[in-house]
Each structure stands twice: as C-alpha cells, then as structure tokens.
C-alpha cells in the first residue's frame, strides 16, 4: 500500500513550545487510521502539521507524494485532503445548503465527485434542513454538516479531529455508520476519537501519540481489548 500521507521525523509546536518531536507516521491510500492518546499529547498538533496549519521546524511532510512541509494549507487541501475540525466550525449564519456549496470542489480529482444528492443520502437529516441556518442545527447535525462539507471537496483522505465528541450515543452510531460506508468506498480516513471499539470498524490500525511521539502502533481492537495496553497508553 502506497503512502498518501508520510510524516518523517517531524518536530512542530507553537512559538518556543515543541509539541511533537521526531514524529513519524504514514497513512496509506484508502487506509483507515486512528490517532489516539491522552489529552495534550499532540494529536491535534499532528493533524495541524499534516495540514500545514502548524509549521514543522524539522523533518518532512509528504501528501500524495509531494513535499508539503512548507506548503500553505489551501495547497495541501487541493491535493485531496478534507478536514472535519474539532468543534465543527460550520458557518453558523449560512443555511445548510450554503454551507455545503461554499467550498464545493473536486480537489481529489475523483471520477465520481460528491454532490448534494450524495451527501444527503449519506445524512438524510441534512436533506430535511437545507434552508435551516447552521446555528439552528443540533450538535450531531452540525457534525454531519461538517463531514458533508469536507466530502464536497472531493477528498482522497478525510481527517476528523474528535469525530464524535459530545454527541449522544444514537448520533454517534449514525456518524460511525456513515464513516464505515465511506471506508467501504475506498476513502482513506485519519480519525481522532476515544471510542476504540467503534473506531476499529473505521480505522483498523491505531497510532498512539504520547508526549509528542509515536509510542505504539498496531490493531485498534488489540488496543481496545488489552486492559494493560489500554491503561498504559490511555488510562487516566
């Protein structure tokens, strides 16, 4: 499996504070990877560095075979990367339809690019709320909108930071079911979340980040089902 994302010996942080150090990881074409670890260990900084939102001070980041270590975020997005950020960050004063159309493109040059009919089939609730303002949606609906908006960019890799944080169990399952469907279509996924058994259906391989470094990598289910391993890397 060729690497769509290749992070090699990267240091990055904010100002003089180094958050990740010597970090290396890969996400293959069409692969599902879970990025997990305790709070404050560098998961979001890792994502931000891949996307060009945080500049690497050492090492190399490659996306779709191109060196993007110094590239602007919009250049990286145009290589086929869609982000669903922590906190959703939809346009609250735009309607659902306007949110979806505002950034629609086909950066991944997909043979069958996503359109409004596709995303409303994936998330029927959005089809019922096309004229509703983003601010009037529930938290779960906002997350569905954030995912749908990212899909309309035509990504080859979907990155989700805290995919189901704060959502009701029934809504979380809707999100997981949608993500499993996307994986079945061959979309690569890099996802941060804490629900390991649900994650395993989307991202069979897990990478544990600890103090800004890769501490462990292996099967997501192995991490979920081994109490000693789970407590070592994820226990509080």
Protein backbone atom coordinates (compact mmCIF):
# COMPACT_ATOMS: atom_id res chain seq x y z
CA UNK A 1 0.00 0.00 0.00
CA UNK A 2 1.50 3.34 -1.05
CA UNK A 3 1.51 6.17 1.48
CA UNK A 4 -0.87 9.06 0.89
CA UNK A 5 0.49 10.86 3.97
CA UNK A 6 4.11 10.38 5.04
CA UNK A 7 5.35 12.24 8.12
CA UNK A 8 9.09 11.70 8.64
CA UNK A 9 10.95 12.72 11.84
CA UNK A 10 8.91 15.90 12.32
CA UNK A 11 9.22 18.46 15.11
CA UNK A 12 6.46 21.06 15.44
CA UNK A 13 4.79 23.28 18.02
CA UNK A 14 3.82 26.82 18.87
CA UNK A 15 6.38 29.56 19.40
CA UNK A 16 9.16 28.08 21.53
CA UNK A 17 6.98 25.23 22.75
CA UNK A 18 7.70 21.97 20.95
CA UNK A 19 4.63 19.70 20.99
CA UNK A 20 5.66 16.88 18.66
CA UNK A 21 9.24 15.70 18.34
CA UNK A 22 10.79 13.25 15.91
CA UNK A 23 7.32 12.03 14.93
CA UNK A 24 6.96 9.65 12.00
CA UNK A 25 3.78 8.06 10.68
CA UNK A 26 2.07 7.07 7.47
CA UNK A 27 -1.49 6.78 6.19
CA UNK A 28 -1.83 4.62 3.13
CA UNK A 29 -4.06 5.17 0.13
CA UNK A 30 -7.54 4.07 1.18
CA UNK A 31 -6.42 3.18 4.72
CA UNK A 32 -8.27 3.88 7.97
CA UNK A 33 -6.02 5.01 10.84
CA UNK A 34 -6.98 6.00 14.38
CA UNK A 35 -4.80 8.63 16.08
CA UNK A 36 -5.24 8.16 19.82
CA UNK A 37 -3.68 9.15 23.12
CA UNK A 38 -4.35 11.03 26.31
CA UNK A 39 -5.32 14.69 26.18
CA UNK A 40 -2.47 17.09 25.48
CA UNK A 41 -0.16 14.51 23.92
CA UNK A 42 -0.02 16.10 20.46
CA UNK A 43 -2.80 14.53 18.39
CA UNK A 44 -4.31 17.80 17.19
CA UNK A 45 -0.85 19.31 16.57
CA UNK A 46 -0.01 16.27 14.44
CA UNK A 47 -3.12 16.86 12.35
CA UNK A 48 -2.45 20.59 12.09
CA UNK A 49 1.11 19.90 10.95
CA UNK A 50 -0.04 17.50 8.22
CA UNK A 51 -2.49 20.16 7.01
CA UNK A 52 0.03 23.00 7.08
CA UNK A 53 -1.77 24.83 9.89
CA UNK A 54 1.24 24.30 12.15
CA UNK A 55 4.68 24.60 10.57
CA UNK A 56 7.19 21.76 11.01
CA UNK A 57 10.55 23.02 12.24
CA UNK A 58 12.33 19.79 11.35
CA UNK A 59 11.59 16.74 9.24
CA UNK A 60 9.40 16.28 6.18
CA UNK A 61 5.68 16.00 5.48
CA UNK A 62 4.55 14.50 2.18
CA UNK A 63 0.98 14.30 0.90
CA UNK A 64 0.11 12.47 -2.32
CA UNK A 65 3.82 12.08 -2.99
CA UNK A 66 4.59 15.81 -2.74
CA UNK A 67 6.72 17.56 -0.16
CA UNK A 68 4.31 19.91 1.63
CA UNK A 69 6.48 20.72 4.64
CA UNK A 70 6.42 24.42 3.77
CA UNK A 71 3.18 24.46 1.77
CA UNK A 72 0.19 26.66 2.58
CA UNK A 73 -2.92 24.87 3.94
CA UNK A 74 -5.00 25.55 0.82
CA UNK A 75 -2.31 23.93 -1.35
CA UNK A 76 -2.44 20.81 0.80
CA UNK A 77 -6.24 20.72 0.68
CA UNK A 78 -6.04 20.79 -3.10
CA UNK A 79 -4.06 17.55 -3.05
CA UNK A 80 -7.24 15.84 -1.82
CA UNK A 81 -7.38 16.33 1.96
CA UNK A 82 -10.68 17.16 3.68
CA UNK A 83 -10.74 18.26 7.33
CA UNK A 84 -13.55 17.88 9.85
CA UNK A 85 -12.13 20.04 12.65
CA UNK A 86 -12.67 19.75 16.36
CA UNK A 87 -15.67 21.92 17.25
CA UNK A 88 -17.14 21.51 13.70
CA UNK A 89 -16.67 25.20 12.75
CA UNK A 90 -19.55 25.38 10.33
CA UNK A 91 -20.78 28.78 9.11
CA UNK A 92 -23.46 29.48 11.71
CA UNK A 93 -25.22 32.25 9.75
CA UNK A 94 -25.36 30.34 6.46
CA UNK A 95 -28.00 27.77 5.64
CA UNK A 96 -27.12 24.10 5.35
CA UNK A 97 -27.22 24.38 1.57
CA UNK A 98 -24.97 27.46 1.60
CA UNK A 99 -22.50 25.73 3.92
CA UNK A 100 -22.29 22.81 1.53
CA UNK A 101 -21.90 24.86 -1.63
CA UNK A 102 -19.49 27.43 -0.20
CA UNK A 103 -16.40 25.26 -0.61
CA UNK A 104 -17.55 22.54 -3.03
CA UNK A 105 -14.79 21.33 -5.36
CA UNK A 106 -13.17 18.11 -6.54
CA UNK A 107 -9.62 18.53 -5.31
CA UNK A 108 -9.01 14.79 -5.27
CA UNK A 109 -9.99 14.59 -8.95
CA UNK A 110 -12.42 11.81 -8.14
CA UNK A 111 -14.02 10.00 -11.04
CA UNK A 112 -17.39 10.40 -9.32
CA UNK A 113 -17.20 13.59 -7.24
CA UNK A 114 -19.54 14.14 -4.32
CA UNK A 115 -22.65 16.27 -4.84
CA UNK A 116 -25.60 17.41 -2.74
CA UNK A 117 -27.64 14.31 -3.53
CA UNK A 118 -24.78 12.07 -2.35
CA UNK A 119 -24.28 13.79 1.00
CA UNK A 120 -27.99 13.98 1.75
CA UNK A 121 -28.25 10.27 1.00
CA UNK A 122 -25.42 9.72 3.47
CA UNK A 123 -27.05 12.05 6.02
CA UNK A 124 -30.81 12.29 5.30
CA UNK A 125 -31.28 14.79 8.15
CA UNK A 126 -29.36 17.37 6.14
CA UNK A 127 -31.76 16.99 3.22
CA UNK A 128 -34.62 17.94 5.55
CA UNK A 129 -32.79 21.04 6.80
CA UNK A 130 -31.34 22.58 3.64
CA UNK A 131 -32.88 26.00 4.35
CA UNK A 132 -32.09 25.99 8.05
CA UNK A 133 -29.26 28.12 9.47
CA UNK A 134 -26.25 26.27 10.76
CA UNK A 135 -26.75 27.83 14.18
CA UNK A 136 -30.16 26.12 14.44
CA UNK A 137 -28.80 22.60 14.00
CA UNK A 138 -28.20 20.19 16.85
CA UNK A 139 -24.61 19.21 17.67
CA UNK A 140 -24.99 15.93 15.80
CA UNK A 141 -26.45 17.64 12.75
CA UNK A 142 -23.60 20.16 12.78
CA UNK A 143 -21.10 17.30 12.76
CA UNK A 144 -22.93 15.68 9.86
CA UNK A 145 -22.77 19.00 8.04
CA UNK A 146 -19.04 19.35 8.74
CA UNK A 147 -18.41 15.88 7.33
CA UNK A 148 -20.62 16.51 4.29
CA UNK A 149 -18.88 19.83 3.63
CA UNK A 150 -15.49 18.11 3.71
CA UNK A 151 -16.71 15.40 1.32
CA UNK A 152 -17.79 18.01 -1.22
CA UNK A 153 -14.12 18.97 -1.52
CA UNK A 154 -13.62 15.60 -3.18
CA UNK A 155 -11.02 14.29 -0.73
CA UNK A 156 -8.91 11.18 -1.03
CA UNK A 157 -8.22 11.48 2.71
CA UNK A 158 -10.77 12.59 5.31
CA UNK A 159 -9.28 13.85 8.59
CA UNK A 160 -11.58 14.02 11.62
CA UNK A 161 -10.45 15.58 14.90
CA UNK A 162 -12.67 14.36 17.78
CA UNK A 163 -15.15 12.75 15.42
CA UNK A 164 -17.99 12.16 17.91
CA UNK A 165 -17.08 14.28 20.94
CA UNK A 166 -20.10 15.40 22.95
CA UNK A 167 -22.66 13.56 20.82
CA UNK A 168 -25.48 11.33 22.06
CA UNK A 169 -24.89 7.57 21.60
CA UNK A 170 -27.55 7.22 18.89
CA UNK A 171 -26.00 10.09 16.92
CA UNK A 172 -22.50 8.71 17.41
CA UNK A 173 -23.66 5.45 15.81
CA UNK A 174 -25.04 7.37 12.82
CA UNK A 175 -21.65 9.01 12.37
CA UNK A 176 -19.77 5.72 12.71
CA UNK A 177 -22.11 4.03 10.22
CA UNK A 178 -21.51 6.82 7.72
CA UNK A 179 -17.74 6.59 8.18
CA UNK A 180 -17.82 2.83 7.70
CA UNK A 181 -19.66 3.43 4.44
CA UNK A 182 -17.04 5.93 3.33
CA UNK A 183 -14.25 3.48 4.09
CA UNK A 184 -16.06 0.83 2.06
CA UNK A 185 -15.95 3.24 -0.87
CA UNK A 186 -12.16 3.39 -0.59
CA UNK A 187 -11.78 6.75 1.16
CA UNK A 188 -8.74 6.99 3.44
CA UNK A 189 -9.55 8.20 6.96
CA UNK A 190 -7.39 9.60 9.76
CA UNK A 191 -9.56 9.97 12.84
CA UNK A 192 -9.13 11.11 16.43
CA UNK A 193 -11.67 9.75 18.90
CA UNK A 194 -11.80 7.81 22.17
CA UNK A 195 -14.38 5.12 21.38
CA UNK A 196 -11.98 2.40 20.35
CA UNK A 197 -14.42 -0.41 19.51
CA UNK A 198 -16.38 1.91 17.22
CA UNK A 199 -13.12 3.28 15.81
CA UNK A 200 -11.97 -0.21 14.87
CA UNK A 201 -14.74 -0.50 12.29
CA UNK A 202 -13.49 2.64 10.57
CA UNK A 203 -9.78 2.61 11.37
CA UNK A 204 -8.37 -0.90 11.91
CA UNK A 205 -4.88 0.45 12.66
CA UNK A 206 -4.17 2.69 15.64
CA UNK A 207 -1.26 5.03 16.31
CA UNK A 208 -0.77 6.11 19.92
CA UNK A 209 0.77 9.53 20.47
CA UNK A 210 2.49 10.07 23.82
CA UNK A 211 4.39 13.24 24.67
CA UNK A 212 4.60 14.18 21.02
CA UNK A 213 6.00 10.88 19.80
CA UNK A 214 4.59 7.65 18.38
CA UNK A 215 4.54 5.33 21.40
CA UNK A 216 2.72 2.35 19.89
CA UNK A 217 1.12 1.23 16.66
CA UNK A 218 -0.98 -1.83 15.97
CA UNK A 219 -4.51 -3.12 15.61
CA UNK A 220 -7.14 -0.82 17.10
CA UNK A 221 -9.04 -3.80 18.51
CA UNK A 222 -5.87 -5.06 20.23
CA UNK A 223 -5.55 -1.71 21.98
CA UNK A 224 -9.24 -1.75 22.93
CA UNK A 225 -9.29 -5.33 24.24
CA UNK A 226 -6.00 -5.45 26.14
CA UNK A 227 -6.59 -3.82 29.56
CA UNK A 228 -2.88 -3.47 30.32
CA UNK A 229 -2.14 -1.88 26.96
CA UNK A 230 -5.15 0.40 27.22
CA UNK A 231 -4.27 1.54 30.74
CA UNK A 232 -0.64 2.12 29.81
CA UNK A 233 -1.39 4.47 26.94
CA UNK A 234 -4.92 5.76 27.52
CA UNK A 235 -5.66 5.37 31.21
CA UNK A 236 -6.05 8.42 33.43
